[in-house]
Protein backbone atom coordinates (compact mmCIF):
# COMPACT_ATOMS: atom_id res chain seq x y z
CA MET A 1 -2.71 5.71 15.35
CA VAL A 2 -1.73 2.57 13.98
CA ARG A 3 1.24 1.86 11.34
CA GLY A 4 1.85 -0.60 9.01
CA TRP A 5 4.10 -1.24 5.20
CA ILE A 6 2.65 -2.47 2.98
CA LEU A 7 4.54 -4.62 0.30
CA VAL A 8 3.23 -5.02 -3.32
CA GLN A 9 4.11 -7.38 -6.36
CA THR A 10 3.12 -6.09 -9.72
CA GLU A 11 2.88 -7.32 -13.25
CA PRO A 12 5.85 -5.97 -15.80
CA GLY A 13 6.26 -2.39 -16.04
CA ARG A 14 3.52 -1.72 -13.68
CA ALA A 15 5.26 -0.49 -10.57
CA ARG A 16 5.42 3.10 -11.47
CA PRO A 17 2.61 4.02 -12.95
CA ILE A 18 0.67 1.91 -9.89
CA CYS A 19 2.69 3.35 -7.19
CA ASP A 20 2.25 7.01 -8.72
CA ALA A 21 -1.06 6.53 -8.39
CA LEU A 22 -0.75 5.54 -4.88
CA VAL A 23 1.10 8.72 -3.47
CA GLY A 24 -1.89 11.04 -1.69
CA PHE A 25 -4.32 8.57 -1.11
CA ASP A 26 -6.82 9.38 1.94
CA SER A 27 -9.83 7.75 2.95
CA ASP A 28 -11.28 7.72 6.45
CA GLY A 29 -8.26 8.94 8.42
CA VAL A 30 -5.80 6.19 6.42
CA ARG A 31 -3.45 8.28 4.68
CA ILE A 32 -0.56 6.50 2.59
CA LEU A 33 2.14 8.48 3.60
CA THR A 34 5.42 7.08 0.84
CA ALA A 35 4.98 4.47 -1.63
CA ASP A 36 7.88 3.43 -3.59
CA THR A 37 9.21 1.74 -6.37
CA VAL A 38 11.49 -0.44 -4.72
CA THR A 39 14.05 -3.42 -5.94
CA GLY A 40 13.77 -6.77 -4.44
CA PRO A 41 10.81 -9.70 -3.54
CA HIS A 42 8.36 -6.29 -4.62
CA ASP A 43 8.36 -4.02 -6.79
CA ILE A 44 6.46 -1.24 -4.59
CA ILE A 45 6.85 -0.56 -0.14
CA VAL A 46 3.87 1.56 0.60
CA HIS A 47 4.32 2.62 4.38
CA VAL A 48 0.17 4.16 5.27
CA GLU A 49 -1.06 5.14 8.75
CA ALA A 50 -5.05 4.79 9.97
CA PRO A 51 -6.31 5.50 13.45
CA ASN A 52 -6.76 1.49 13.58
CA VAL A 53 -6.00 -2.07 11.76
CA ASP A 54 -9.30 -2.24 10.19
CA ALA A 55 -9.48 0.41 9.59
CA LEU A 56 -6.08 -0.29 7.51
CA SER A 57 -7.85 -2.91 6.31
CA SER A 58 -10.66 -1.98 4.53
CA ALA A 59 -7.92 0.73 2.37
CA VAL A 60 -5.43 -1.92 1.46
CA GLY A 61 -8.81 -3.31 -0.34
CA LEU A 62 -10.26 -0.03 -2.13
CA ALA A 63 -6.75 2.01 -2.51
CA ILE A 64 -4.54 -1.56 -2.96
CA GLY A 65 -5.87 -4.69 -3.92
CA ASP A 66 -8.24 -4.29 -6.71
CA ALA A 67 -6.24 -2.29 -8.26
CA PRO A 68 -5.14 -3.54 -12.29
CA GLY A 69 -1.69 -4.91 -12.26
CA ILE A 70 -1.02 -6.32 -8.61
CA GLU A 71 -0.03 -10.04 -8.33
CA HIS A 72 0.09 -9.89 -4.62
CA ILE A 73 0.45 -7.77 -1.68
CA THR A 74 1.65 -8.63 2.00
CA THR A 75 0.15 -6.57 4.90
CA CYS A 76 2.57 -5.40 7.24
CA VAL A 77 1.41 -3.41 10.57
CA ALA A 78 3.41 -2.08 13.32
CA MET A 79 3.54 -3.46 16.40
CA ASP A 80 4.16 -0.92 19.29
């Protein structure tokens, strides 16, 4: 399994609805474990688990990258 964190910047006022929509995402073995709105340079931090890096990358695009209101995402993969 691969773990990662996705740092999300949203349009103003969109963080909470986007975060709520991400909770419970599960596709092809990729699970969003937590999605939290935060303060600082990012608006949401998502903790994700996937069977491999390719599945993680695909899920990021599917669940987050194309969502309306997303301005920028950064994916950080744990290198255990």
